[in-house]
Protein backbone atom coordinates (compact mmCIF):
# COMPACT_ATOMS: atom_id res chain seq x y z
CA MET A 1 0.00 0.00 0.00
CA SER A 2 1.40 3.42 -1.00
CA ASN A 3 1.68 6.40 1.37
CA THR A 4 -1.12 8.11 -0.56
CA GLN A 5 -3.39 5.08 -0.12
CA ARG A 6 -2.58 4.91 3.60
CA SER A 7 -3.32 8.63 3.94
CA SER A 8 -6.63 8.30 2.11
CA LYS A 9 -7.61 5.33 4.25
CA LYS A 10 -6.80 7.25 7.43
CA VAL A 11 -8.79 10.30 6.28
CA ARG A 12 -11.82 8.12 5.53
CA ALA A 13 -11.51 6.51 8.97
CA VAL A 14 -11.33 9.92 10.68
CA CYS A 15 -14.34 11.21 8.74
CA GLN A 16 -16.37 8.13 9.65
CA THR A 17 -15.38 8.28 13.32
CA LEU A 18 -16.40 11.94 13.53
CA GLN A 19 -19.79 11.19 11.95
CA ASP A 20 -20.33 8.21 14.26
CA LYS A 21 -19.58 10.37 17.32
CA ALA A 22 -21.92 13.07 16.03
CA GLN A 23 -24.70 10.52 15.63
CA GLN A 24 -24.08 9.22 19.16
CA ALA A 25 -24.39 12.80 20.40
CA GLY A 26 -27.81 13.09 18.76
CA LEU A 27 -26.69 15.51 16.06
CA ILE A 28 -28.33 15.64 12.65
CA LEU A 29 -25.79 16.70 10.04
CA ASP A 30 -26.59 18.51 6.80
CA LYS A 31 -25.89 16.71 3.55
CA MET A 32 -22.20 17.04 2.62
CA GLN A 33 -20.42 16.99 -0.74
CA ASP A 34 -17.57 14.69 0.29
CA PRO A 35 -18.24 13.25 3.76
CA GLU A 36 -15.75 10.40 3.28
CA ASN A 37 -12.67 12.41 2.30
CA ASP A 38 -12.95 15.94 3.70
CA ILE A 39 -12.34 16.24 7.44
CA LEU A 40 -12.93 19.99 7.44
CA GLU A 41 -16.33 19.64 5.79
CA VAL A 42 -17.38 17.06 8.38
CA LEU A 43 -16.18 19.26 11.25
CA GLY A 44 -18.07 22.20 9.77
CA ALA A 45 -21.28 20.17 9.54
CA ILE A 46 -20.86 19.04 13.14
CA SER A 47 -20.21 22.62 14.26
CA LYS A 48 -23.37 23.85 12.57
CA ALA A 49 -25.49 21.08 14.11
CA GLN A 50 -24.06 21.69 17.59
CA ALA A 51 -24.68 25.43 17.38
CA SER A 52 -28.26 24.91 16.21
CA LYS A 53 -28.91 22.57 19.11
CA ARG A 54 -27.46 25.05 21.62
CA GLU A 55 -29.41 27.93 20.14
CA GLU A 56 -32.64 25.99 20.61
CA HIS A 57 -31.96 25.93 24.36
CA LYS A 58 -30.47 29.43 24.61
CA PRO A 59 -31.59 31.81 21.81
CA LEU A 60 -29.31 34.56 20.54
CA ASP A 61 -31.34 37.31 22.22
CA LEU A 62 -30.78 35.65 25.60
CA VAL A 63 -27.05 35.30 24.94
CA LYS A 64 -26.88 39.00 24.02
CA SER A 65 -28.82 39.95 27.15
CA GLN A 66 -26.48 37.93 29.38
CA LEU A 67 -23.46 39.43 27.64
CA GLU A 68 -24.54 42.93 28.63
CA SER A 69 -23.97 42.10 32.30
CA THR A 70 -20.43 40.72 31.79
CA PRO A 71 -17.16 42.69 31.76
CA TYR A 72 -16.16 41.13 28.45
CA ASN A 73 -16.69 44.15 26.22
CA LYS A 74 -13.28 45.63 27.04
CA LEU A 75 -10.99 42.65 26.47
CA ALA A 76 -7.63 43.08 24.76
CA THR A 77 -7.89 42.73 21.00
CA LEU A 78 -5.72 40.14 19.24
CA ASP A 79 -3.76 42.72 17.24
CA SER A 80 -2.83 44.65 20.39
CA VAL A 81 -0.84 41.81 21.99
CA PHE A 82 1.55 41.23 19.06
CA THR A 83 4.24 43.44 17.55
CA LYS A 84 4.94 43.69 13.82
CA ASN A 85 8.23 42.05 12.85
CA ILE A 86 9.70 45.34 11.66
CA LYS A 87 9.19 46.80 15.15
CA ASN A 88 10.28 43.65 16.99
CA LYS A 89 13.83 44.90 17.59
CA THR A 90 14.90 41.93 19.72
CA ASN A 91 13.55 39.32 17.27
CA GLU A 92 11.47 37.92 20.12
CA ILE A 93 9.57 34.73 19.36
CA GLN A 94 5.92 35.68 19.85
CA ALA A 95 3.65 32.75 20.64
CA LEU A 96 -0.07 32.13 20.53
CA ALA A 97 0.09 28.99 22.65
CA GLU A 98 -2.69 26.43 22.40
CA VAL A 99 -4.66 24.45 24.97
CA LYS A 100 -5.47 21.31 23.00
CA PHE A 101 -6.12 17.87 24.44
CA ALA A 102 -6.90 15.80 21.35
CA SER A 103 -7.28 15.87 17.59
CA PRO A 104 -9.41 13.88 15.12
CA SER A 105 -6.33 12.36 13.47
CA ALA A 106 -4.09 11.73 16.51
CA GLY A 107 -6.66 11.04 19.23
CA ARG A 108 -5.64 11.98 22.76
CA ILE A 109 -2.54 14.18 22.73
CA ALA A 110 -2.12 15.55 26.24
CA PRO A 111 -1.06 13.62 29.34
CA ALA A 112 -3.97 12.99 31.72
CA HIS A 113 -2.66 15.21 34.53
CA LEU A 114 -2.94 18.44 32.50
CA THR A 115 -5.92 20.78 32.99
CA PRO A 116 -6.99 23.75 30.83
CA GLU A 117 -6.48 26.28 33.60
CA ASN A 118 -3.04 25.06 34.66
CA VAL A 119 -1.76 24.83 31.10
CA ALA A 120 -3.01 28.32 30.24
CA LYS A 121 -1.58 29.84 33.43
CA GLY A 122 1.77 28.21 32.73
CA TYR A 123 1.82 29.58 29.20
CA MET A 124 1.19 33.14 30.37
CA GLU A 125 3.79 32.89 33.12
CA VAL A 126 6.57 32.21 30.61
CA GLY A 127 5.59 34.78 28.01
CA ALA A 128 2.74 33.63 25.75
CA LYS A 129 1.18 36.67 24.09
CA ALA A 130 -2.22 34.98 23.86
CA ILE A 131 -3.87 31.60 24.48
CA SER A 132 -5.75 29.55 21.91
CA VAL A 133 -8.42 27.37 23.52
CA LEU A 134 -9.80 24.43 21.54
CA CYS A 135 -13.56 24.51 22.05
CA GLU A 136 -14.66 21.88 19.53
CA GLU A 137 -16.00 18.84 21.39
CA ILE A 138 -16.42 15.89 19.01
CA GLY A 139 -13.01 15.77 17.35
CA PHE A 140 -10.79 17.76 19.69
CA GLY A 141 -12.24 17.04 23.13
CA GLY A 142 -12.61 20.77 23.77
CA SER A 143 -15.34 22.83 25.36
CA LEU A 144 -16.57 26.39 25.80
CA ALA A 145 -16.43 25.55 29.50
CA TYR A 146 -12.63 25.42 29.20
CA LEU A 147 -12.70 28.96 27.86
CA SER A 148 -14.88 30.12 30.78
CA GLU A 149 -12.63 28.36 33.29
CA ILE A 150 -9.49 30.00 31.91
CA ARG A 151 -11.13 33.42 31.68
CA LYS A 152 -12.17 33.33 35.34
CA SER A 153 -8.64 32.56 36.45
CA MET A 154 -7.01 35.04 34.03
CA PRO A 155 -9.26 38.09 33.54
CA GLN A 156 -6.72 40.03 31.45
CA ALA A 157 -5.49 37.28 29.11
CA CYS A 158 -6.16 37.42 25.38
CA LEU A 159 -8.08 34.19 24.65
CA LEU A 160 -8.84 32.78 21.20
CA GLN A 161 -12.02 30.73 20.74
CA LYS A 162 -10.59 27.98 18.50
CA ASP A 163 -13.50 26.32 16.77
CA PHE A 164 -15.12 25.88 13.38
CA LEU A 165 -17.34 28.95 13.46
CA LEU A 166 -19.98 29.58 10.84
CA ASN A 167 -22.41 32.17 12.24
CA LYS A 168 -22.90 35.07 14.64
CA TYR A 169 -24.52 32.92 17.32
CA GLN A 170 -21.25 31.04 17.84
CA VAL A 171 -19.35 34.32 18.10
CA TYR A 172 -21.72 35.71 20.70
CA GLU A 173 -21.71 32.55 22.82
CA GLY A 174 -17.92 32.51 22.66
CA ARG A 175 -17.80 36.11 23.84
CA LEU A 176 -20.15 35.24 26.70
CA ALA A 177 -17.76 32.43 27.67
CA GLY A 178 -14.92 34.95 27.80
CA ALA A 179 -13.33 34.89 24.34
CA SER A 180 -11.26 37.90 23.35
CA THR A 181 -11.24 36.76 19.75
CA PHE A 182 -12.31 33.91 17.48
CA LEU A 183 -11.16 32.00 14.40
CA ILE A 184 -12.44 32.43 10.86
CA ILE A 185 -11.31 29.65 8.50
CA ILE A 186 -11.60 31.01 4.98
CA SER A 187 -11.77 27.54 3.38
CA LEU A 188 -14.70 26.61 5.62
CA VAL A 189 -17.07 29.56 5.22
CA SER A 190 -19.12 30.83 2.30
CA LYS A 191 -18.85 34.49 1.31
CA ASP A 192 -22.17 35.20 3.05
CA GLN A 193 -20.93 33.50 6.21
CA LEU A 194 -17.66 35.44 6.01
CA VAL A 195 -19.54 38.74 5.83
CA GLU A 196 -21.73 37.71 8.78
CA LEU A 197 -18.69 36.81 10.89
CA LEU A 198 -16.78 39.98 9.98
CA THR A 199 -19.84 42.13 10.66
CA THR A 200 -20.37 40.43 14.02
CA ALA A 201 -16.72 41.01 14.89
CA ARG A 202 -17.22 44.70 14.16
CA GLU A 203 -20.34 44.78 16.34
CA LEU A 204 -18.40 43.35 19.28
CA ASN A 205 -15.14 45.23 18.65
CA ILE A 206 -13.32 41.95 18.06
CA VAL A 207 -10.28 41.44 15.85
CA PRO A 208 -10.55 37.79 14.74
CA LEU A 209 -7.80 35.47 13.56
CA ILE A 210 -8.40 35.03 9.83
CA GLU A 211 -6.97 31.71 8.66
CA ILE A 212 -5.81 31.01 5.12
CA HIS A 213 -4.06 28.12 3.36
CA ASN A 214 -3.08 29.44 -0.10
CA ASN A 215 -2.51 32.58 -2.14
CA GLN A 216 -6.02 32.56 -3.59
CA GLU A 217 -7.44 32.84 -0.06
CA LEU A 218 -4.83 35.50 0.69
CA ASP A 219 -6.09 37.65 -2.18
CA LEU A 220 -9.69 37.18 -1.01
CA VAL A 221 -8.79 38.39 2.49
CA ILE A 222 -6.99 41.43 1.08
CA GLU A 223 -10.08 42.28 -0.96
CA TYR A 224 -12.33 42.10 2.14
CA GLN A 225 -9.80 44.09 4.13
CA LYS A 226 -10.75 47.13 2.06
CA THR A 227 -14.25 46.98 3.55
CA TYR A 228 -13.23 45.72 7.02
CA PRO A 229 -9.88 47.41 7.78
CA ASP A 230 -10.88 47.69 11.46
CA VAL A 231 -11.53 43.94 11.66
CA ILE A 232 -8.98 42.26 9.38
CA LYS A 233 -5.78 43.00 11.26
CA VAL A 234 -4.45 39.50 12.02
CA VAL A 235 -4.05 36.70 9.47
CA GLY A 236 -2.72 33.20 10.11
CA VAL A 237 -1.39 30.68 7.60
CA ASN A 238 -2.22 27.14 8.64
CA ASN A 239 0.41 24.58 7.66
CA ARG A 240 -2.13 21.82 8.22
CA ASP A 241 -4.36 20.88 5.30
CA LEU A 242 -7.67 20.67 7.15
CA THR A 243 -9.22 18.35 4.60
CA THR A 244 -6.61 15.65 5.29
CA PHE A 245 -4.81 17.03 8.41
CA LYS A 246 -1.44 16.58 6.67
CA VAL A 247 1.15 19.16 7.85
CA ASP A 248 3.63 20.92 5.59
CA LEU A 249 5.62 24.03 6.63
CA GLY A 250 6.01 24.74 2.93
CA ILE A 251 2.50 26.17 3.00
CA SER A 252 3.68 29.14 5.06
CA LYS A 253 6.79 29.51 2.92
CA ASN A 254 4.78 29.54 -0.33
CA ILE A 255 2.35 32.26 0.76
CA ASN A 256 3.13 35.75 -0.52
CA ILE A 257 3.25 37.10 3.03
CA SER A 258 4.72 40.44 1.90
CA LYS A 259 1.25 41.45 0.68
CA LEU A 260 -0.03 41.32 4.25
CA ASN A 261 3.06 42.96 5.69
CA ASP A 262 2.63 45.85 3.25
CA LEU A 263 -0.80 46.41 4.84
CA GLN A 264 0.69 46.24 8.36
CA ILE A 265 -1.40 43.14 9.11
CA ILE A 266 -0.08 40.90 11.90
CA THR A 267 0.89 37.52 10.43
CA LEU A 268 1.05 34.13 12.12
CA SER A 269 2.31 30.76 10.97
CA GLU A 270 0.18 28.00 12.49
CA SER A 271 0.63 24.27 13.11
CA GLY A 272 3.53 21.88 12.67
CA ILE A 273 6.20 24.15 14.13
CA GLN A 274 8.48 21.92 16.21
CA SER A 275 11.47 24.08 17.08
CA THR A 276 12.81 27.57 17.61
CA SER A 277 14.95 27.24 14.50
CA GLU A 278 11.86 26.61 12.38
CA ALA A 279 10.16 29.63 13.95
CA LYS A 280 13.25 31.79 13.33
CA GLU A 281 13.32 30.74 9.68
CA LEU A 282 9.67 31.69 9.27
CA GLN A 283 10.25 34.92 11.19
CA ALA A 284 13.04 35.82 8.76
CA SER A 285 10.62 35.30 5.86
CA GLY A 286 8.19 37.83 7.34
CA TYR A 287 6.00 36.15 9.97
CA ASP A 288 5.34 38.02 13.20
CA ALA A 289 4.14 35.24 15.51
CA PHE A 290 3.38 31.51 15.77
CA LEU A 291 0.43 29.40 16.86
CA VAL A 292 1.77 26.22 18.44
CA GLY A 293 -0.23 23.54 20.25
CA THR A 294 0.63 19.86 19.81
CA THR A 295 4.38 20.45 20.19
CA PHE A 296 3.75 21.70 23.75
CA MET A 297 0.66 19.71 24.73
CA LYS A 298 2.08 16.27 23.98
CA THR A 299 4.67 16.77 26.74
CA PRO A 300 4.24 16.48 30.53
CA ASP A 301 5.22 20.13 30.97
CA PRO A 302 3.84 22.48 28.25
CA LYS A 303 4.93 25.54 30.24
CA THR A 304 8.60 24.60 30.12
CA GLU A 305 8.38 23.57 26.46
CA LEU A 306 6.98 27.00 25.58
CA GLU A 307 9.70 28.69 27.62
CA TYR A 308 12.38 26.73 25.73
CA PHE A 309 10.65 27.62 22.44
CA ILE A 310 10.62 31.36 23.18
CA LYS A 311 14.18 31.43 24.56
CA GLY A 312 15.63 29.49 21.66
CA LYS A 313 16.38 26.30 23.54
CA LYS A 314 13.90 24.04 21.73
CA GLN A 315 15.74 22.50 18.81
């Protein structure tokens, strides 16, 4: 069996497992174009079904009403915690460190003794600029409750709601849970959904993390930036192909990142970064910061691993 055949077989197995878990959770998924070979499409369908189910129990108007009585309207914006490379005189490694316990392709990643709060606190203690919190339940073992737990223990931290968001309800419920910002995956959303998410971000004074995977998506983001310059300020390039979950740092290297730097947009390289030397190489090519999760979370001590990463000791 070739590597391609093995990869395809694994992708099909992951897609089927996700759908089986969704069915066990009582979710009814919309019809998909390629439910056997596209992990991202399956995760998007699950996300939509979960959000619809939650909205039935807690309508958007109620979420908005509850949000009015929280202090979460003055959280630090994502762009404010990072420095553009050109102004980063010390060449500091800036990290958006991730709290991530599992993945659809790898299963359980983190050792059992780790908790969301302790991991997040450790990250901030050694210099993380922001914390990404996996909130997706079926494939990643995450939860909005993790976000709430971390927010209560760290009122000032910049927290990313890492999920497969498709509509404004998910943004509002994330904000209510304590999210400073949220993720928009360009390859997941339609143009109408993108406009809804960007408009919602503007309503809530949120600067989201816009995620792209190729130069075509880069050009699309630049086009929308003309209409949403106050919203599109941070763009990440994901080195993981979310349809197959294969990782390739070449994705970041092949993006014309100078187009974003010319607009003074903060740029992140995401996923698959194993060492400081890899981060330094990407930094030299124009990236401002790095989203790293599995590299830290698969170890008994994510805090120390992040510290080594930032200080140049993780080779």
